[in-house]
Amino acid sequence: MKKEGTKSNSFELKNKITLFVTMFAAYFVPVLILSILVSLSFESADAFNKFGFFRFITTSTWDPVKQIFGGAAPIYGTVVTTVLSLIFAAPVSIGIAIFITQICPKKIKGIISGAIELLASIPSIIYGMWGLFVLAPIMSNYIEPFLQKTIGKLPLVGIIFKGTPIGIDLLTASLILSIMIIPFITSVARDSFELVPDNLIESAYGIGSTKWEVIKNIVLPYSKTGMYGGMILGIGRAIGETMAVAFVLGNKHEIVLSLLGASSTIPVTLANEFTEADSKIYMSSLFYLALILFVSSFVILAIAKYMILRTNKNG
């Protein structure tokens, strides 16, 4: 009886320890996030009190000498590069995932999957150096002049390709980001496609559907939640990228309509100017940008969760 009682007490103790550890881990994450939010808010209070919110996000003037700071330019650059990178990467990533799961021979499936995952392990500074010394010259000598001679001649649309093609611009930065987020979107989409039940696919083939019809009518609709999740993961990766973008964007605090113009993003501004902040309001303005980036990430995540919940409800 004593042995059974001892075992029971030991079992209860282990349960309590496990419960405590798991609860601590679960509550630690929101506490950590909240502490980051509080610290960013505290450090950015001076800039918020001086410039306000609407004035700060709509003013592009960034003058450390006159102590006037506006975050419109880096916010604009962050939005443009992130959206463009997703537009470039999403179709390619989904196409790769479809090829790997539905078309690719088994002999080379592992090779292609490994090569895609290898892209995710390359340090961002390598992407930046490659973009500066390899991609930027290609963009300035061939791709951007071609875009100016073709799409640039169209009314209205042509304005986004005006300027001197130097390869250090929003378009090149967006292309670098798209290459960087392709592995993340591809991996999530591939895993989602592999979860499609075999009986659904076999039934579709059994009634005479072609491979394209199976992909369009079975695989893609069944996996749309996973694809959305992969895209959101890609946005999260792109919105905070620093070094790769810093090499090919130009770090210019201006809002330019042309994709061939130099600009800046919030992470690049923080990385380049944090050590140069020689006044309290300058440092506070940088923290203000960091706070905006931090909150924006949560807004994007909330929108993504809402879209996924609606998709699951309607699907």
Protein backbone atom coordinates (compact mmCIF):
# COMPACT_ATOMS: atom_id res chain seq x y z
CA MET A 1 0.00 0.00 0.00
CA LYS A 2 2.86 2.35 0.82
CA LYS A 3 4.46 1.70 -2.56
CA GLU A 4 1.15 2.43 -4.35
CA GLY A 5 0.73 5.65 -2.35
CA THR A 6 4.30 6.68 -3.13
CA LYS A 7 3.77 6.03 -6.85
CA SER A 8 0.52 8.02 -6.76
CA ASN A 9 2.19 10.97 -5.04
CA SER A 10 5.09 10.83 -7.51
CA PHE A 11 2.64 10.76 -10.42
CA GLU A 12 0.74 13.77 -9.06
CA LEU A 13 4.00 15.66 -8.52
CA LYS A 14 5.06 15.01 -12.10
CA ASN A 15 1.65 16.19 -13.33
CA LYS A 16 1.93 19.40 -11.32
CA ILE A 17 5.45 20.05 -12.60
CA THR A 18 4.36 19.41 -16.18
CA LEU A 19 1.34 21.67 -15.75
CA PHE A 20 3.48 24.45 -14.28
CA VAL A 21 6.12 24.23 -17.03
CA THR A 22 3.58 24.23 -19.85
CA MET A 23 1.57 27.08 -18.32
CA PHE A 24 4.74 29.11 -17.82
CA ALA A 25 5.74 28.55 -21.45
CA ALA A 26 2.25 29.46 -22.67
CA TYR A 27 1.99 32.66 -20.64
CA PHE A 28 5.60 33.69 -21.23
CA VAL A 29 5.01 34.48 -24.90
CA PRO A 30 2.20 37.06 -24.44
CA VAL A 31 4.05 38.57 -21.48
CA LEU A 32 7.18 38.93 -23.59
CA ILE A 33 5.23 40.49 -26.46
CA LEU A 34 3.50 42.88 -24.09
CA SER A 35 6.81 43.88 -22.51
CA ILE A 36 8.28 44.65 -25.96
CA LEU A 37 5.22 46.72 -26.81
CA VAL A 38 5.46 48.66 -23.54
CA SER A 39 9.18 49.34 -23.93
CA LEU A 40 8.77 50.53 -27.53
CA SER A 41 5.86 52.76 -26.50
CA PHE A 42 7.85 54.23 -23.62
CA GLU A 43 10.92 54.94 -25.76
CA SER A 44 8.86 56.50 -28.57
CA ALA A 45 6.79 58.73 -26.28
CA ASP A 46 8.86 61.87 -26.99
CA ALA A 47 8.44 61.55 -30.75
CA PHE A 48 4.74 60.80 -30.37
CA ASN A 49 4.19 63.86 -28.19
CA LYS A 50 6.09 66.13 -30.59
CA PHE A 51 4.91 64.86 -33.97
CA GLY A 52 1.70 62.99 -33.17
CA PHE A 53 0.56 59.98 -35.15
CA PHE A 54 -1.07 61.35 -38.31
CA ARG A 55 1.63 63.97 -38.84
CA PHE A 56 4.42 61.42 -38.35
CA ILE A 57 3.08 58.86 -40.83
CA THR A 58 2.22 61.48 -43.49
CA THR A 59 5.42 63.56 -43.35
CA SER A 60 8.41 62.42 -45.39
CA THR A 61 10.87 64.99 -44.00
CA TRP A 62 13.71 63.29 -42.15
CA ASP A 63 16.15 65.98 -41.05
CA PRO A 64 18.37 65.16 -38.04
CA VAL A 65 19.94 68.64 -38.19
CA LYS A 66 16.63 70.49 -37.76
CA GLN A 67 15.24 67.71 -35.53
CA ILE A 68 12.25 67.14 -37.83
CA PHE A 69 11.29 63.54 -38.40
CA GLY A 70 8.53 61.96 -40.43
CA GLY A 71 8.13 58.25 -41.14
CA ALA A 72 6.11 58.39 -44.36
CA ALA A 73 9.04 57.48 -46.63
CA PRO A 74 10.23 54.33 -44.81
CA ILE A 75 6.63 53.25 -44.21
CA TYR A 76 5.90 53.68 -47.91
CA GLY A 77 9.04 51.77 -48.88
CA THR A 78 8.17 48.93 -46.51
CA VAL A 79 4.65 48.58 -47.91
CA VAL A 80 5.72 48.75 -51.56
CA THR A 81 8.57 46.24 -51.29
CA THR A 82 6.52 43.81 -49.21
CA VAL A 83 3.49 43.89 -51.53
CA LEU A 84 5.58 43.62 -54.69
CA SER A 85 7.63 40.76 -53.28
CA LEU A 86 4.44 38.85 -52.49
CA ILE A 87 3.07 39.52 -55.99
CA PHE A 88 6.29 38.17 -57.51
CA ALA A 89 6.76 35.23 -55.15
CA ALA A 90 3.24 33.82 -54.62
CA PRO A 91 2.56 32.52 -58.18
CA VAL A 92 6.08 31.09 -58.47
CA SER A 93 5.90 29.42 -55.05
CA ILE A 94 2.50 27.85 -55.66
CA GLY A 95 3.66 26.69 -59.10
CA ILE A 96 6.72 25.04 -57.57
CA ALA A 97 4.59 23.37 -54.89
CA ILE A 98 2.17 22.05 -57.53
CA PHE A 99 5.05 20.69 -59.61
CA ILE A 100 6.69 18.97 -56.63
CA THR A 101 3.51 17.31 -55.33
CA GLN A 102 1.54 16.61 -58.51
CA ILE A 103 3.86 16.45 -61.51
CA CYS A 104 7.49 15.94 -60.52
CA PRO A 105 8.96 12.40 -60.89
CA LYS A 106 9.85 10.82 -57.56
CA LYS A 107 13.52 10.51 -58.54
CA ILE A 108 14.11 14.27 -58.60
CA LYS A 109 11.42 15.31 -56.11
CA GLY A 110 13.85 15.20 -53.20
CA ILE A 111 16.50 17.14 -55.10
CA ILE A 112 14.14 19.98 -56.00
CA SER A 113 12.66 20.10 -52.48
CA GLY A 114 16.14 20.23 -50.98
CA ALA A 115 17.21 23.01 -53.34
CA ILE A 116 14.16 25.10 -52.42
CA GLU A 117 14.77 24.62 -48.71
CA LEU A 118 18.43 25.55 -49.22
CA LEU A 119 17.31 29.02 -50.30
CA ALA A 120 15.82 29.56 -46.85
CA SER A 121 19.13 28.78 -45.14
CA ILE A 122 21.18 31.35 -47.08
CA PRO A 123 22.03 34.36 -44.85
CA SER A 124 20.33 37.58 -45.87
CA ILE A 125 23.64 39.41 -46.25
CA ILE A 126 24.58 36.95 -49.00
CA TYR A 127 21.37 37.84 -50.82
CA GLY A 128 22.26 41.50 -50.42
CA MET A 129 25.77 41.11 -51.82
CA TRP A 130 24.50 38.99 -54.70
CA GLY A 131 21.80 41.57 -55.38
CA LEU A 132 24.28 44.45 -55.38
CA PHE A 133 27.00 42.88 -57.52
CA VAL A 134 25.00 40.55 -59.78
CA LEU A 135 21.30 41.36 -59.90
CA ALA A 136 21.53 45.17 -59.82
CA PRO A 137 23.75 45.38 -62.95
CA ILE A 138 21.42 42.98 -64.78
CA MET A 139 18.42 45.07 -63.78
CA SER A 140 20.04 48.38 -64.79
CA ASN A 141 21.49 47.17 -68.10
CA TYR A 142 18.76 44.87 -69.41
CA ILE A 143 15.51 44.43 -67.47
CA GLU A 144 14.71 48.01 -66.42
CA PRO A 145 15.51 49.57 -69.86
CA PHE A 146 13.31 46.88 -71.43
CA LEU A 147 10.46 47.70 -69.04
CA GLN A 148 10.82 51.40 -69.87
CA LYS A 149 10.65 50.70 -73.60
CA THR A 150 7.58 48.47 -73.29
CA ILE A 151 5.33 48.96 -70.25
CA GLY A 152 6.86 52.39 -69.63
CA LYS A 153 5.31 53.68 -72.85
CA LEU A 154 1.77 52.96 -71.67
CA PRO A 155 -0.33 55.83 -70.27
CA LEU A 156 -0.70 56.03 -66.50
CA VAL A 157 1.15 52.76 -65.91
CA GLY A 158 4.32 54.16 -67.46
CA ILE A 159 4.88 56.53 -64.53
CA ILE A 160 6.05 53.67 -62.32
CA PHE A 161 8.98 53.01 -64.69
CA LYS A 162 10.24 56.55 -65.11
CA GLY A 163 13.73 57.61 -64.10
CA THR A 164 17.28 56.47 -64.66
CA PRO A 165 17.68 52.70 -64.40
CA ILE A 166 20.54 52.17 -61.95
CA GLY A 167 19.44 48.89 -60.38
CA ILE A 168 19.46 50.28 -56.83
CA ASP A 169 15.76 50.84 -56.39
CA LEU A 170 12.41 49.56 -55.15
CA LEU A 171 12.02 47.06 -57.99
CA THR A 172 15.34 45.32 -57.34
CA ALA A 173 14.73 45.26 -53.59
CA SER A 174 11.29 43.72 -54.13
CA LEU A 175 12.76 41.08 -56.44
CA ILE A 176 15.40 40.16 -53.84
CA LEU A 177 12.71 39.86 -51.18
CA SER A 178 10.55 37.69 -53.45
CA ILE A 179 13.44 35.26 -53.91
CA MET A 180 13.95 35.15 -50.15
CA ILE A 181 10.32 34.35 -49.31
CA ILE A 182 9.78 31.76 -52.06
CA PRO A 183 11.05 28.87 -49.87
CA PHE A 184 8.66 29.74 -47.02
CA ILE A 185 5.54 29.99 -49.18
CA THR A 186 6.56 26.92 -51.19
CA SER A 187 7.14 24.76 -48.10
CA VAL A 188 3.77 25.58 -46.54
CA ALA A 189 1.91 25.20 -49.85
CA ARG A 190 3.65 21.89 -50.57
CA ASP A 191 2.73 20.48 -47.16
CA SER A 192 -0.87 21.62 -47.69
CA PHE A 193 -1.05 19.95 -51.11
CA GLU A 194 0.29 16.69 -49.67
CA LEU A 195 -2.54 16.65 -47.11
CA VAL A 196 -5.19 16.39 -49.83
CA PRO A 197 -6.84 12.93 -49.39
CA ASP A 198 -5.78 10.45 -52.05
CA ASN A 199 -9.35 9.21 -52.48
CA LEU A 200 -10.46 12.66 -53.66
CA ILE A 201 -7.72 12.81 -56.26
CA GLU A 202 -8.31 9.21 -57.37
CA SER A 203 -12.06 9.82 -57.62
CA ALA A 204 -11.46 12.87 -59.80
CA TYR A 205 -9.23 10.88 -62.12
CA GLY A 206 -11.78 8.08 -62.07
CA ILE A 207 -14.50 10.27 -63.59
CA GLY A 208 -12.18 11.39 -66.37
CA SER A 209 -10.67 14.61 -65.01
CA THR A 210 -7.38 15.77 -66.45
CA LYS A 211 -4.39 16.58 -64.26
CA TRP A 212 -5.06 20.31 -64.61
CA GLU A 213 -8.71 19.82 -63.64
CA VAL A 214 -7.67 17.83 -60.57
CA ILE A 215 -5.26 20.56 -59.53
CA LYS A 216 -7.75 23.36 -60.19
CA ASN A 217 -10.89 21.75 -58.77
CA ILE A 218 -9.52 19.50 -56.00
CA VAL A 219 -6.01 20.36 -54.84
CA LEU A 220 -6.13 24.16 -54.82
CA PRO A 221 -9.59 24.58 -53.19
CA TYR A 222 -8.78 21.97 -50.53
CA SER A 223 -5.46 23.64 -49.70
CA LYS A 224 -6.41 27.31 -49.88
CA THR A 225 -6.08 27.83 -46.12
CA GLY A 226 -2.53 26.52 -46.19
CA MET A 227 -1.67 28.71 -49.16
CA TYR A 228 -2.97 31.80 -47.34
CA GLY A 229 -0.91 30.83 -44.31
CA GLY A 230 2.20 30.49 -46.44
CA MET A 231 1.64 33.91 -47.97
CA ILE A 232 1.26 35.49 -44.54
CA LEU A 233 4.45 33.78 -43.44
CA GLY A 234 6.13 35.27 -46.50
CA ILE A 235 4.82 38.74 -45.67
CA GLY A 236 6.17 38.40 -42.13
CA ARG A 237 9.56 37.42 -43.52
CA ALA A 238 9.63 40.26 -46.06
CA ILE A 239 8.33 43.09 -43.88
CA GLY A 240 11.19 42.82 -41.40
CA GLU A 241 14.08 42.07 -43.75
CA THR A 242 17.03 44.42 -43.31
CA MET A 243 20.43 43.55 -44.74
CA ALA A 244 19.40 42.24 -48.15
CA VAL A 245 17.24 45.30 -48.76
CA ALA A 246 19.85 47.75 -47.43
CA PHE A 247 22.28 46.73 -50.19
CA VAL A 248 19.93 47.43 -53.11
CA LEU A 249 17.43 50.08 -52.00
CA GLY A 250 19.53 53.23 -51.67
CA ASN A 251 18.35 54.37 -48.20
CA LYS A 252 16.79 57.60 -49.48
CA HIS A 253 14.07 59.23 -47.39
CA GLU A 254 11.76 60.11 -50.27
CA ILE A 255 8.41 58.86 -51.54
CA VAL A 256 8.89 58.02 -55.21
CA LEU A 257 6.11 56.84 -57.51
CA SER A 258 8.60 55.17 -59.84
CA LEU A 259 9.78 51.68 -58.97
CA LEU A 260 13.15 52.67 -60.41
CA GLY A 261 13.73 55.21 -57.65
CA ALA A 262 15.72 54.76 -54.45
CA SER A 263 13.82 54.73 -51.18
CA SER A 264 14.02 53.23 -47.69
CA THR A 265 12.18 50.86 -45.39
CA ILE A 266 11.66 50.86 -41.65
CA PRO A 267 14.13 48.03 -40.90
CA VAL A 268 16.80 49.60 -43.16
CA THR A 269 16.34 52.99 -41.52
CA LEU A 270 16.68 51.47 -38.05
CA ALA A 271 19.80 49.51 -38.99
CA ASN A 272 21.55 52.39 -40.74
CA GLU A 273 20.75 55.22 -38.35
CA PHE A 274 20.52 53.77 -34.87
CA THR A 275 24.21 54.37 -34.17
CA GLU A 276 23.98 57.88 -35.61
CA ALA A 277 21.12 59.04 -33.38
CA ASP A 278 22.81 61.79 -31.38
CA SER A 279 19.74 63.33 -29.76
CA LYS A 280 16.86 62.13 -27.65
CA ILE A 281 14.18 63.03 -30.20
CA TYR A 282 16.18 61.34 -32.99
CA MET A 283 16.39 58.11 -31.01
CA SER A 284 12.75 58.38 -30.01
CA SER A 285 11.73 58.76 -33.67
CA LEU A 286 13.57 55.57 -34.53
CA PHE A 287 11.76 53.76 -31.71
CA TYR A 288 8.53 55.22 -33.07
CA LEU A 289 9.24 53.59 -36.44
CA ALA A 290 10.00 50.31 -34.66
CA LEU A 291 6.69 50.55 -32.80
CA ILE A 292 4.80 51.12 -36.06
CA LEU A 293 6.48 48.08 -37.61
CA PHE A 294 5.71 46.00 -34.53
CA VAL A 295 2.04 46.95 -34.49
CA SER A 296 1.74 46.54 -38.27
CA SER A 297 2.88 42.94 -37.94
CA PHE A 298 0.04 42.25 -35.52
CA VAL A 299 -2.49 43.95 -37.77
CA ILE A 300 -1.36 41.81 -40.71
CA LEU A 301 -1.58 38.70 -38.56
CA ALA A 302 -5.08 39.64 -37.38
CA ILE A 303 -6.26 40.19 -40.95
CA ALA A 304 -4.74 36.87 -41.97
CA LYS A 305 -6.44 35.02 -39.12
CA TYR A 306 -9.75 36.62 -40.05
CA MET A 307 -9.36 35.59 -43.70
CA ILE A 308 -8.46 32.03 -42.73
CA LEU A 309 -11.44 31.77 -40.36
CA ARG A 310 -13.78 33.04 -43.07
CA THR A 311 -12.26 30.62 -45.55
CA ASN A 312 -12.77 27.68 -43.18
CA LYS A 313 -16.32 28.81 -42.43
CA ASN A 314 -17.28 29.21 -46.08
CA GLY A 315 -15.29 26.26 -47.32
